[in-house]
Amino acid sequence: MAESLDAWFAREILVHEAALVRYLRRLMAWRDDVHDLRQETYIRVYEAAAKSRPQFAKSFLFTTARHLVTDRLRRERVVSIEPRADLDSWPTLVDEISPERQMSAHEELRSLSRAFDRLPPRCREVVWLRRVLHMSQKEVSSQMGIAEGMVEKHLAKAMRRLANAIYGARPGDSTAGTRTSKTGDDNGKQQRD
């Protein structure tokens, strides 16, 4: 008779808890969320084992933990488009902001808003879910019913278009999102891709 998943998990995975915590502390020495990562690792391993038990449980456990740490660090490197602090809490900076600079900032925000509104619907939805609602790539994939790779592609496309709208495409920039028409009358018309 096959061993229950809970019994297998306790025998093959939970026995390595102390080693797993030490490993995560080594990888994330400056972090307080080691125990959260441990729990997330357990969840991933348990769910995977429910489908198919890994042959080398300890290796699978530590590999899963390493991948989760890598994913978390990668997510943290992404620059948020949210303001980090309230400008009113920095009175010296507020005093130094000229009316011209305020107007310029408002115009940039309006430009970003217009550029966001012009994004293709899928790209706009991915940006909203990932950058505004802070959903994981997997959650966005599940909610939109598309592959995780497509979430990445839509996000990259949207970021290119937003950057081009705000900063303008430089000549020869391959990320400009436009190309010259090849219809025989090369009169410099631009087409969207």
N, C-alpha and C. Protein backbone atom coordinates (compact mmCIF):
# COMPACT_ATOMS: atom_id res chain seq x y z
N MET A 1 0.83 -1.17 0.00
CA MET A 1 0.00 0.00 0.00
C MET A 1 0.88 1.24 0.00
N ALA A 2 0.50 2.24 -0.78
CA ALA A 2 1.30 3.45 -0.92
C ALA A 2 1.23 4.29 0.35
N GLU A 3 2.35 4.89 0.67
CA GLU A 3 2.45 5.74 1.85
C GLU A 3 1.68 7.04 1.62
N SER A 4 1.02 7.57 2.64
CA SER A 4 0.26 8.81 2.49
C SER A 4 1.22 9.97 2.26
N LEU A 5 0.71 10.99 1.62
CA LEU A 5 1.52 12.17 1.32
C LEU A 5 2.00 12.83 2.61
N ASP A 6 1.14 12.93 3.61
CA ASP A 6 1.53 13.55 4.88
C ASP A 6 2.66 12.78 5.55
N ALA A 7 2.55 11.46 5.55
CA ALA A 7 3.61 10.64 6.16
C ALA A 7 4.92 10.80 5.40
N TRP A 8 4.84 10.77 4.06
CA TRP A 8 6.04 10.98 3.25
C TRP A 8 6.65 12.34 3.53
N PHE A 9 5.82 13.38 3.61
CA PHE A 9 6.29 14.74 3.83
C PHE A 9 7.01 14.85 5.19
N ALA A 10 6.41 14.28 6.21
CA ALA A 10 7.03 14.32 7.54
C ALA A 10 8.36 13.56 7.55
N ARG A 11 8.40 12.39 6.89
CA ARG A 11 9.60 11.55 6.91
C ARG A 11 10.72 12.10 6.03
N GLU A 12 10.35 12.63 4.85
CA GLU A 12 11.38 13.04 3.87
C GLU A 12 11.71 14.53 3.87
N ILE A 13 10.78 15.37 4.29
CA ILE A 13 10.97 16.82 4.16
C ILE A 13 11.14 17.50 5.51
N LEU A 14 10.19 17.29 6.42
CA LEU A 14 10.22 18.01 7.71
C LEU A 14 11.46 17.69 8.54
N VAL A 15 12.07 16.55 8.32
CA VAL A 15 13.28 16.21 9.07
C VAL A 15 14.45 17.14 8.74
N HIS A 16 14.35 17.87 7.64
CA HIS A 16 15.42 18.78 7.22
C HIS A 16 15.14 20.24 7.58
N GLU A 17 14.17 20.45 8.46
CA GLU A 17 13.76 21.83 8.78
C GLU A 17 14.91 22.70 9.30
N ALA A 18 15.68 22.20 10.25
CA ALA A 18 16.78 23.00 10.81
C ALA A 18 17.80 23.35 9.73
N ALA A 19 18.13 22.39 8.89
CA ALA A 19 19.09 22.64 7.81
C ALA A 19 18.52 23.63 6.80
N LEU A 20 17.23 23.52 6.52
CA LEU A 20 16.59 24.44 5.58
C LEU A 20 16.62 25.87 6.12
N VAL A 21 16.30 26.04 7.39
CA VAL A 21 16.32 27.38 7.99
C VAL A 21 17.74 27.95 7.96
N ARG A 22 18.73 27.14 8.28
CA ARG A 22 20.13 27.62 8.22
C ARG A 22 20.49 28.03 6.80
N TYR A 23 20.09 27.23 5.83
CA TYR A 23 20.36 27.52 4.41
C TYR A 23 19.71 28.84 3.99
N LEU A 24 18.46 29.02 4.35
CA LEU A 24 17.76 30.26 3.99
C LEU A 24 18.38 31.47 4.69
N ARG A 25 18.81 31.30 5.94
CA ARG A 25 19.47 32.42 6.66
C ARG A 25 20.78 32.79 5.99
N ARG A 26 21.50 31.79 5.48
CA ARG A 26 22.74 32.08 4.77
C ARG A 26 22.47 32.87 3.50
N LEU A 27 21.41 32.46 2.77
CA LEU A 27 21.08 33.14 1.52
C LEU A 27 20.48 34.52 1.75
N MET A 28 19.75 34.69 2.84
CA MET A 28 18.99 35.91 3.10
C MET A 28 19.38 36.48 4.46
N ALA A 29 20.66 36.64 4.71
CA ALA A 29 21.15 37.02 6.03
C ALA A 29 20.54 38.33 6.54
N TRP A 30 20.22 39.23 5.66
CA TRP A 30 19.72 40.55 6.07
C TRP A 30 18.20 40.59 6.16
N ARG A 31 17.54 39.48 5.97
CA ARG A 31 16.08 39.45 5.87
C ARG A 31 15.41 38.87 7.11
N ASP A 32 14.18 39.33 7.33
CA ASP A 32 13.39 38.81 8.44
C ASP A 32 12.36 37.79 7.98
N ASP A 33 12.27 37.55 6.68
CA ASP A 33 11.21 36.68 6.17
C ASP A 33 11.68 35.26 5.87
N VAL A 34 12.68 34.79 6.59
CA VAL A 34 13.19 33.43 6.39
C VAL A 34 12.09 32.40 6.67
N HIS A 35 11.31 32.64 7.72
CA HIS A 35 10.27 31.67 8.07
C HIS A 35 9.14 31.67 7.03
N ASP A 36 8.86 32.84 6.44
CA ASP A 36 7.87 32.89 5.36
C ASP A 36 8.36 32.09 4.16
N LEU A 37 9.65 32.24 3.84
CA LEU A 37 10.23 31.48 2.72
C LEU A 37 10.22 29.99 3.01
N ARG A 38 10.47 29.62 4.26
CA ARG A 38 10.43 28.20 4.63
C ARG A 38 9.03 27.64 4.38
N GLN A 39 8.01 28.39 4.82
CA GLN A 39 6.63 27.94 4.63
C GLN A 39 6.28 27.85 3.14
N GLU A 40 6.70 28.85 2.39
CA GLU A 40 6.43 28.85 0.96
C GLU A 40 7.12 27.66 0.28
N THR A 41 8.32 27.35 0.73
CA THR A 41 9.05 26.20 0.20
C THR A 41 8.28 24.91 0.50
N TYR A 42 7.83 24.78 1.74
CA TYR A 42 7.05 23.59 2.11
C TYR A 42 5.80 23.46 1.25
N ILE A 43 5.12 24.55 1.04
CA ILE A 43 3.90 24.50 0.22
C ILE A 43 4.21 24.02 -1.18
N ARG A 44 5.25 24.61 -1.79
CA ARG A 44 5.61 24.21 -3.16
C ARG A 44 5.99 22.75 -3.24
N VAL A 45 6.78 22.30 -2.28
CA VAL A 45 7.23 20.90 -2.29
C VAL A 45 6.03 19.98 -2.08
N TYR A 46 5.16 20.33 -1.15
CA TYR A 46 3.98 19.49 -0.87
C TYR A 46 3.08 19.40 -2.10
N GLU A 47 2.83 20.54 -2.74
CA GLU A 47 1.97 20.54 -3.93
C GLU A 47 2.60 19.73 -5.07
N ALA A 48 3.90 19.87 -5.25
CA ALA A 48 4.58 19.10 -6.30
C ALA A 48 4.54 17.61 -5.98
N ALA A 49 4.75 17.26 -4.71
CA ALA A 49 4.75 15.85 -4.32
C ALA A 49 3.36 15.23 -4.44
N ALA A 50 2.34 16.05 -4.34
CA ALA A 50 0.97 15.53 -4.50
C ALA A 50 0.77 15.03 -5.93
N LYS A 51 1.48 15.63 -6.88
CA LYS A 51 1.38 15.22 -8.28
C LYS A 51 2.32 14.06 -8.57
N SER A 52 3.56 14.21 -8.10
CA SER A 52 4.57 13.17 -8.33
C SER A 52 5.66 13.34 -7.29
N ARG A 53 5.91 12.31 -6.54
CA ARG A 53 6.92 12.39 -5.46
C ARG A 53 8.32 12.44 -6.07
N PRO A 54 9.12 13.40 -5.65
CA PRO A 54 10.49 13.49 -6.18
C PRO A 54 11.33 12.31 -5.69
N GLN A 55 12.24 11.89 -6.54
CA GLN A 55 13.09 10.75 -6.19
C GLN A 55 14.09 11.14 -5.10
N PHE A 56 14.62 12.36 -5.17
CA PHE A 56 15.60 12.83 -4.19
C PHE A 56 14.97 14.01 -3.44
N ALA A 57 14.24 13.71 -2.39
CA ALA A 57 13.43 14.69 -1.68
C ALA A 57 14.26 15.84 -1.11
N LYS A 58 15.39 15.55 -0.48
CA LYS A 58 16.19 16.60 0.14
C LYS A 58 16.73 17.56 -0.93
N SER A 59 17.23 17.06 -2.02
CA SER A 59 17.71 17.91 -3.11
C SER A 59 16.58 18.76 -3.68
N PHE A 60 15.42 18.14 -3.83
CA PHE A 60 14.27 18.86 -4.35
C PHE A 60 13.87 20.00 -3.40
N LEU A 61 13.90 19.73 -2.10
CA LEU A 61 13.57 20.73 -1.08
C LEU A 61 14.49 21.94 -1.19
N PHE A 62 15.80 21.71 -1.22
CA PHE A 62 16.75 22.81 -1.24
C PHE A 62 16.77 23.54 -2.59
N THR A 63 16.54 22.82 -3.66
CA THR A 63 16.45 23.46 -4.98
C THR A 63 15.23 24.36 -5.04
N THR A 64 14.12 23.89 -4.51
CA THR A 64 12.90 24.71 -4.47
C THR A 64 13.14 25.97 -3.65
N ALA A 65 13.78 25.83 -2.52
CA ALA A 65 14.07 26.99 -1.66
C ALA A 65 14.96 28.00 -2.41
N ARG A 66 15.99 27.49 -3.09
CA ARG A 66 16.89 28.39 -3.83
C ARG A 66 16.13 29.13 -4.92
N HIS A 67 15.25 28.45 -5.63
CA HIS A 67 14.47 29.10 -6.68
C HIS A 67 13.54 30.17 -6.11
N LEU A 68 12.94 29.90 -4.98
CA LEU A 68 12.07 30.90 -4.35
C LEU A 68 12.84 32.14 -3.92
N VAL A 69 14.03 31.93 -3.37
CA VAL A 69 14.88 33.07 -2.98
C VAL A 69 15.25 33.88 -4.21
N THR A 70 15.64 33.20 -5.27
CA THR A 70 16.01 33.88 -6.52
C THR A 70 14.83 34.68 -7.06
N ASP A 71 13.65 34.07 -7.09
CA ASP A 71 12.46 34.78 -7.57
C ASP A 71 12.16 36.01 -6.73
N ARG A 72 12.27 35.86 -5.42
CA ARG A 72 11.96 36.99 -4.54
C ARG A 72 12.97 38.12 -4.74
N LEU A 73 14.23 37.79 -4.86
CA LEU A 73 15.25 38.82 -5.08
C LEU A 73 15.05 39.50 -6.43
N ARG A 74 14.69 38.74 -7.44
CA ARG A 74 14.44 39.30 -8.77
C ARG A 74 13.25 40.26 -8.73
N ARG A 75 12.19 39.87 -8.02
CA ARG A 75 11.01 40.74 -7.91
C ARG A 75 11.35 42.04 -7.20
N GLU A 76 12.22 41.97 -6.20
CA GLU A 76 12.57 43.17 -5.44
C GLU A 76 13.42 44.14 -6.25
N ARG A 77 14.12 43.64 -7.27
CA ARG A 77 14.94 44.53 -8.10
C ARG A 77 14.10 45.35 -9.06
N VAL A 78 12.85 44.93 -9.30
CA VAL A 78 11.98 45.67 -10.20
C VAL A 78 11.63 47.00 -9.55
N VAL A 79 11.81 48.06 -10.30
CA VAL A 79 11.53 49.40 -9.78
C VAL A 79 10.03 49.62 -9.78
N SER A 80 9.52 50.03 -8.65
CA SER A 80 8.10 50.29 -8.52
C SER A 80 7.78 51.65 -9.11
N ILE A 81 6.58 51.78 -9.71
CA ILE A 81 6.19 53.08 -10.25
C ILE A 81 5.39 53.87 -9.22
N GLU A 82 5.29 53.33 -8.00
CA GLU A 82 4.60 54.03 -6.93
C GLU A 82 5.57 54.98 -6.24
N PRO A 83 5.07 56.12 -5.74
CA PRO A 83 5.96 57.01 -4.99
C PRO A 83 6.39 56.33 -3.69
N ARG A 84 7.62 56.52 -3.32
CA ARG A 84 8.16 55.87 -2.13
C ARG A 84 7.83 56.64 -0.85
N ALA A 85 7.59 57.92 -0.94
CA ALA A 85 7.32 58.69 0.27
C ALA A 85 6.45 59.87 -0.09
N ASP A 86 5.80 60.40 0.91
CA ASP A 86 4.97 61.57 0.73
C ASP A 86 5.87 62.80 0.71
N LEU A 87 5.79 63.61 -0.32
CA LEU A 87 6.64 64.78 -0.43
C LEU A 87 6.42 65.76 0.71
N ASP A 88 5.24 65.77 1.30
CA ASP A 88 4.98 66.68 2.42
C ASP A 88 5.83 66.35 3.63
N SER A 89 6.30 65.11 3.72
CA SER A 89 7.14 64.74 4.86
C SER A 89 8.57 65.24 4.68
N TRP A 90 8.90 65.81 3.53
CA TRP A 90 10.22 66.36 3.27
C TRP A 90 10.10 67.86 3.03
N PRO A 91 9.93 68.66 4.06
CA PRO A 91 9.67 70.08 3.85
C PRO A 91 10.78 70.80 3.10
N THR A 92 12.01 70.40 3.28
CA THR A 92 13.08 71.12 2.57
C THR A 92 12.99 70.87 1.07
N LEU A 93 12.59 69.69 0.68
CA LEU A 93 12.45 69.42 -0.74
C LEU A 93 11.25 70.16 -1.32
N VAL A 94 10.16 70.22 -0.58
CA VAL A 94 8.97 70.89 -1.07
C VAL A 94 9.25 72.36 -1.30
N ASP A 95 10.02 72.98 -0.39
CA ASP A 95 10.35 74.40 -0.54
C ASP A 95 11.19 74.65 -1.79
N GLU A 96 12.00 73.65 -2.20
CA GLU A 96 12.88 73.83 -3.34
C GLU A 96 12.21 73.56 -4.68
N ILE A 97 11.01 73.02 -4.67
CA ILE A 97 10.33 72.70 -5.93
C ILE A 97 9.66 73.96 -6.46
N SER A 98 10.12 74.36 -7.61
CA SER A 98 9.58 75.58 -8.21
C SER A 98 8.24 75.29 -8.89
N PRO A 99 7.43 76.32 -9.11
CA PRO A 99 6.17 76.11 -9.83
C PRO A 99 6.39 75.51 -11.22
N GLU A 100 7.48 75.90 -11.88
CA GLU A 100 7.78 75.35 -13.21
C GLU A 100 8.04 73.86 -13.13
N ARG A 101 8.76 73.48 -12.08
CA ARG A 101 9.07 72.07 -11.91
C ARG A 101 7.81 71.26 -11.58
N GLN A 102 6.93 71.85 -10.77
CA GLN A 102 5.67 71.19 -10.46
C GLN A 102 4.84 71.00 -11.73
N MET A 103 4.77 72.01 -12.56
CA MET A 103 4.02 71.92 -13.81
C MET A 103 4.62 70.84 -14.71
N SER A 104 5.94 70.82 -14.76
CA SER A 104 6.62 69.81 -15.58
C SER A 104 6.29 68.40 -15.07
N ALA A 105 6.28 68.22 -13.74
CA ALA A 105 5.97 66.91 -13.17
C ALA A 105 4.52 66.53 -13.47
N HIS A 106 3.61 67.48 -13.39
CA HIS A 106 2.21 67.20 -13.71
C HIS A 106 2.06 66.82 -15.18
N GLU A 107 2.79 67.49 -16.05
CA GLU A 107 2.71 67.18 -17.48
C GLU A 107 3.28 65.79 -17.75
N GLU A 108 4.37 65.43 -17.07
CA GLU A 108 4.92 64.08 -17.24
C GLU A 108 3.92 63.02 -16.78
N LEU A 109 3.24 63.30 -15.67
CA LEU A 109 2.24 62.36 -15.18
C LEU A 109 1.08 62.24 -16.17
N ARG A 110 0.65 63.35 -16.74
CA ARG A 110 -0.41 63.30 -17.75
C ARG A 110 0.06 62.52 -18.98
N SER A 111 1.31 62.71 -19.38
CA SER A 111 1.86 61.97 -20.52
C SER A 111 1.88 60.47 -20.23
N LEU A 112 2.29 60.12 -19.03
CA LEU A 112 2.31 58.71 -18.64
C LEU A 112 0.90 58.14 -18.65
N SER A 113 -0.05 58.90 -18.15
CA SER A 113 -1.44 58.45 -18.13
C SER A 113 -1.97 58.24 -19.55
N ARG A 114 -1.68 59.17 -20.44
CA ARG A 114 -2.12 59.03 -21.84
C ARG A 114 -1.44 57.82 -22.49
N ALA A 115 -0.15 57.65 -22.23
CA ALA A 115 0.58 56.51 -22.80
C ALA A 115 0.02 55.19 -22.26
N PHE A 116 -0.31 55.17 -20.99
CA PHE A 116 -0.90 53.97 -20.40
C PHE A 116 -2.25 53.65 -21.06
N ASP A 117 -3.05 54.67 -21.29
CA ASP A 117 -4.36 54.48 -21.93
C ASP A 117 -4.23 53.99 -23.37
N ARG A 118 -3.11 54.30 -24.04
CA ARG A 118 -2.92 53.88 -25.43
C ARG A 118 -2.32 52.48 -25.56
N LEU A 119 -1.94 51.87 -24.44
CA LEU A 119 -1.39 50.51 -24.50
C LEU A 119 -2.46 49.54 -24.99
N PRO A 120 -2.03 48.47 -25.67
CA PRO A 120 -3.00 47.43 -26.03
C PRO A 120 -3.65 46.89 -24.74
N PRO A 121 -4.90 46.48 -24.82
CA PRO A 121 -5.62 46.07 -23.61
C PRO A 121 -4.90 45.02 -22.76
N ARG A 122 -4.32 44.01 -23.39
CA ARG A 122 -3.63 42.95 -22.62
C ARG A 122 -2.41 43.52 -21.88
N CYS A 123 -1.64 44.36 -22.58
CA CYS A 123 -0.46 44.97 -21.96
C CYS A 123 -0.89 45.85 -20.78
N ARG A 124 -1.92 46.63 -20.99
CA ARG A 124 -2.41 47.53 -19.94
C ARG A 124 -2.85 46.72 -18.72
N GLU A 125 -3.56 45.62 -18.96
CA GLU A 125 -4.02 44.79 -17.85
C GLU A 125 -2.85 44.16 -17.10
N VAL A 126 -1.84 43.69 -17.83
CA VAL A 126 -0.67 43.09 -17.18
C VAL A 126 0.05 44.13 -16.33
N VAL A 127 0.25 45.34 -16.86
CA VAL A 127 0.93 46.39 -16.09
C VAL A 127 0.13 46.69 -14.83
N TRP A 128 -1.17 46.82 -14.97
CA TRP A 128 -2.01 47.14 -13.82
C TRP A 128 -1.91 46.06 -12.74
N LEU A 129 -2.02 44.80 -13.16
CA LEU A 129 -1.99 43.70 -12.19
C LEU A 129 -0.62 43.53 -11.54
N ARG A 130 0.44 43.62 -12.36
CA ARG A 130 1.80 43.40 -11.83
C ARG A 130 2.34 44.59 -11.05
N ARG A 131 2.22 45.80 -11.62
CA ARG A 131 2.88 46.96 -11.03
C ARG A 131 2.02 47.76 -10.06
N VAL A 132 0.72 47.74 -10.25
CA VAL A 132 -0.15 48.51 -9.37
C VAL A 132 -0.72 47.62 -8.25
N LEU A 133 -1.24 46.46 -8.63
CA LEU A 133 -1.82 45.57 -7.63
C LEU A 133 -0.79 44.60 -7.04
N HIS A 134 0.43 44.61 -7.56
CA HIS A 134 1.55 43.80 -7.06
C HIS A 134 1.26 42.31 -7.05
N MET A 135 0.56 41.82 -8.06
CA MET A 135 0.30 40.39 -8.17
C MET A 135 1.54 39.71 -8.74
N SER A 136 1.74 38.47 -8.37
CA SER A 136 2.88 37.72 -8.90
C SER A 136 2.61 37.38 -10.37
N GLN A 137 3.67 37.03 -11.07
CA GLN A 137 3.54 36.65 -12.47
C GLN A 137 2.62 35.44 -12.61
N LYS A 138 2.73 34.51 -11.68
CA LYS A 138 1.89 33.32 -11.72
C LYS A 138 0.42 33.68 -11.50
N GLU A 139 0.16 34.61 -10.56
CA GLU A 139 -1.22 35.03 -10.29
C GLU A 139 -1.82 35.73 -11.51
N VAL A 140 -1.02 36.59 -12.15
CA VAL A 140 -1.50 37.29 -13.35
C VAL A 140 -1.80 36.28 -14.45
N SER A 141 -0.90 35.34 -14.62
CA SER A 141 -1.08 34.30 -15.63
C SER A 141 -2.39 33.55 -15.40
N SER A 142 -2.62 33.17 -14.17
CA SER A 142 -3.84 32.44 -13.83
C SER A 142 -5.08 33.30 -14.04
N GLN A 143 -5.04 34.53 -13.59
CA GLN A 143 -6.21 35.40 -13.71
C GLN A 143 -6.55 35.71 -15.17
N MET A 144 -5.52 35.94 -15.99
CA MET A 144 -5.76 36.31 -17.38
C MET A 144 -5.92 35.09 -18.29
N GLY A 145 -5.56 33.91 -17.80
CA GLY A 145 -5.66 32.70 -18.61
C GLY A 145 -4.62 32.63 -19.71
N ILE A 146 -3.43 33.17 -19.43
CA ILE A 146 -2.33 33.13 -20.41
C ILE A 146 -1.10 32.54 -19.74
N ALA A 147 -0.15 32.12 -20.54
CA ALA A 147 1.09 31.53 -20.02
C ALA A 147 1.92 32.60 -19.32
N GLU A 148 2.74 32.17 -18.35
CA GLU A 148 3.59 33.11 -17.62
C GLU A 148 4.55 33.82 -18.57
N GLY A 149 5.02 33.13 -19.59
CA GLY A 149 5.90 33.75 -20.57
C GLY A 149 5.22 34.90 -21.31
N MET A 150 3.92 34.74 -21.56
CA MET A 150 3.18 35.82 -22.22
C MET A 150 3.01 37.02 -21.28
N VAL A 151 2.89 36.76 -19.98
CA VAL A 151 2.82 37.86 -19.02
C VAL A 151 4.10 38.68 -19.12
N GLU A 152 5.25 37.98 -19.15
CA GLU A 152 6.54 38.66 -19.28
C GLU A 152 6.61 39.48 -20.56
N LYS A 153 6.18 38.88 -21.67
CA LYS A 153 6.26 39.57 -22.96
C LYS A 153 5.36 40.79 -22.99
N HIS A 154 4.14 40.66 -22.47
CA HIS A 154 3.23 41.81 -22.43
C HIS A 154 3.80 42.93 -21.55
N LEU A 155 4.40 42.55 -20.42
CA LEU A 155 4.96 43.55 -19.53
C LEU A 155 6.15 44.25 -20.17
N ALA A 156 7.02 43.49 -20.82
CA ALA A 156 8.19 44.09 -21.49
C ALA A 156 7.74 45.03 -22.61
N LYS A 157 6.77 44.60 -23.38
CA LYS A 157 6.24 45.43 -24.47
C LYS A 157 5.65 46.72 -23.92
N ALA A 158 4.88 46.60 -22.84
CA ALA A 158 4.25 47.78 -22.24
C ALA A 158 5.31 48.74 -21.69
N MET A 159 6.32 48.21 -21.03
CA MET A 159 7.35 49.07 -20.46
C MET A 159 8.13 49.81 -21.56
N ARG A 160 8.41 49.09 -22.67
CA ARG A 160 9.07 49.75 -23.80
C ARG A 160 8.23 50.89 -24.34
N ARG A 161 6.95 50.62 -24.53
CA ARG A 161 6.06 51.65 -25.08
C ARG A 161 5.91 52.82 -24.13
N LEU A 162 5.80 52.56 -22.85
CA LEU A 162 5.69 53.65 -21.88
C LEU A 162 6.97 54.48 -21.85
N ALA A 163 8.11 53.81 -21.86
CA ALA A 163 9.38 54.54 -21.86
C ALA A 163 9.52 55.37 -23.13
N ASN A 164 9.14 54.80 -24.28
CA ASN A 164 9.21 55.56 -25.53
C ASN A 164 8.27 56.75 -25.51
N ALA A 165 7.11 56.58 -24.93
CA ALA A 165 6.15 57.69 -24.87
C ALA A 165 6.65 58.81 -23.97
N ILE A 166 7.28 58.45 -22.88
CA ILE A 166 7.75 59.46 -21.92
C ILE A 166 9.08 60.08 -22.37
N TYR A 167 10.02 59.24 -22.74
CA TYR A 167 11.37 59.73 -23.05
C TYR A 167 11.61 59.90 -24.54
N GLY A 168 10.72 59.36 -25.35
CA GLY A 168 10.89 59.45 -26.80
C GLY A 168 11.84 58.39 -27.30
N ALA A 169 11.53 57.87 -28.47
CA ALA A 169 12.39 56.86 -29.07
C ALA A 169 13.60 57.54 -29.70
N ARG A 170 14.76 56.98 -29.44
CA ARG A 170 15.98 57.52 -30.04
C ARG A 170 16.16 56.94 -31.43
N PRO A 171 16.75 57.70 -32.35
CA PRO A 171 17.00 57.14 -33.69
C PRO A 171 17.83 55.87 -33.59
N GLY A 172 17.40 54.86 -34.34
CA GLY A 172 18.13 53.59 -34.35
C GLY A 172 17.80 52.70 -33.18
N ASP A 173 16.90 53.14 -32.31
CA ASP A 173 16.51 52.34 -31.14
C ASP A 173 15.63 51.18 -31.60
N SER A 174 16.08 49.97 -31.37
CA SER A 174 15.32 48.80 -31.81
C SER A 174 14.10 48.55 -30.95
N THR A 175 13.98 49.22 -29.82
CA THR A 175 12.84 49.01 -28.95
C THR A 175 11.77 50.07 -29.17
N ALA A 176 11.87 50.81 -30.23
CA ALA A 176 10.94 51.92 -30.44
C ALA A 176 9.52 51.45 -30.69
N GLY A 177 9.32 50.25 -31.17
CA GLY A 177 7.97 49.75 -31.39
C GLY A 177 7.38 50.22 -32.70
N THR A 178 8.18 50.84 -33.54
CA THR A 178 7.70 51.30 -34.85
C THR A 178 8.68 50.84 -35.90
N ARG A 179 8.21 50.78 -37.13
CA ARG A 179 9.10 50.41 -38.23
C ARG A 179 8.65 51.15 -39.49
N THR A 180 9.55 51.33 -40.39
CA THR A 180 9.24 52.03 -41.63
C THR A 180 8.45 51.13 -42.56
N SER A 181 7.47 51.69 -43.23
CA SER A 181 6.64 50.93 -44.16
C SER A 181 7.47 50.44 -45.33
N LYS A 182 7.23 49.21 -45.76
CA LYS A 182 7.96 48.62 -46.88
C LYS A 182 7.01 48.40 -48.05
N THR A 183 6.12 49.33 -48.29
CA THR A 183 5.11 49.13 -49.32
C THR A 183 5.56 49.64 -50.68
N GLY A 184 6.80 49.97 -50.79
CA GLY A 184 7.30 50.44 -52.08
C GLY A 184 7.42 51.96 -52.11
N ASP A 185 6.57 52.66 -51.44
CA ASP A 185 6.68 54.12 -51.40
C ASP A 185 7.27 54.50 -50.05
N ASP A 186 8.57 54.37 -49.92
CA ASP A 186 9.27 54.58 -48.67
C ASP A 186 9.24 56.07 -48.35
N ASN A 187 8.09 56.55 -47.95
CA ASN A 187 7.94 57.97 -47.66
C ASN A 187 8.04 58.24 -46.16
N GLY A 188 8.56 57.27 -45.40
CA GLY A 188 8.81 57.48 -43.99
C GLY A 188 7.60 57.25 -43.10
N LYS A 189 6.54 56.65 -43.62
CA LYS A 189 5.38 56.35 -42.77
C LYS A 189 5.82 55.38 -41.68
N GLN A 190 5.23 55.55 -40.53
CA GLN A 190 5.52 54.66 -39.42
C GLN A 190 4.30 53.78 -39.16
N GLN A 191 4.56 52.51 -38.83
CA GLN A 191 3.49 51.59 -38.49
C GLN A 191 3.72 51.07 -37.09
N ARG A 192 2.65 50.82 -36.39
CA ARG A 192 2.75 50.18 -35.07
C ARG A 192 2.90 48.68 -35.27
N ASP A 193 3.69 48.02 -34.38
CA ASP A 193 3.81 46.56 -34.52
C ASP A 193 2.85 45.84 -33.65
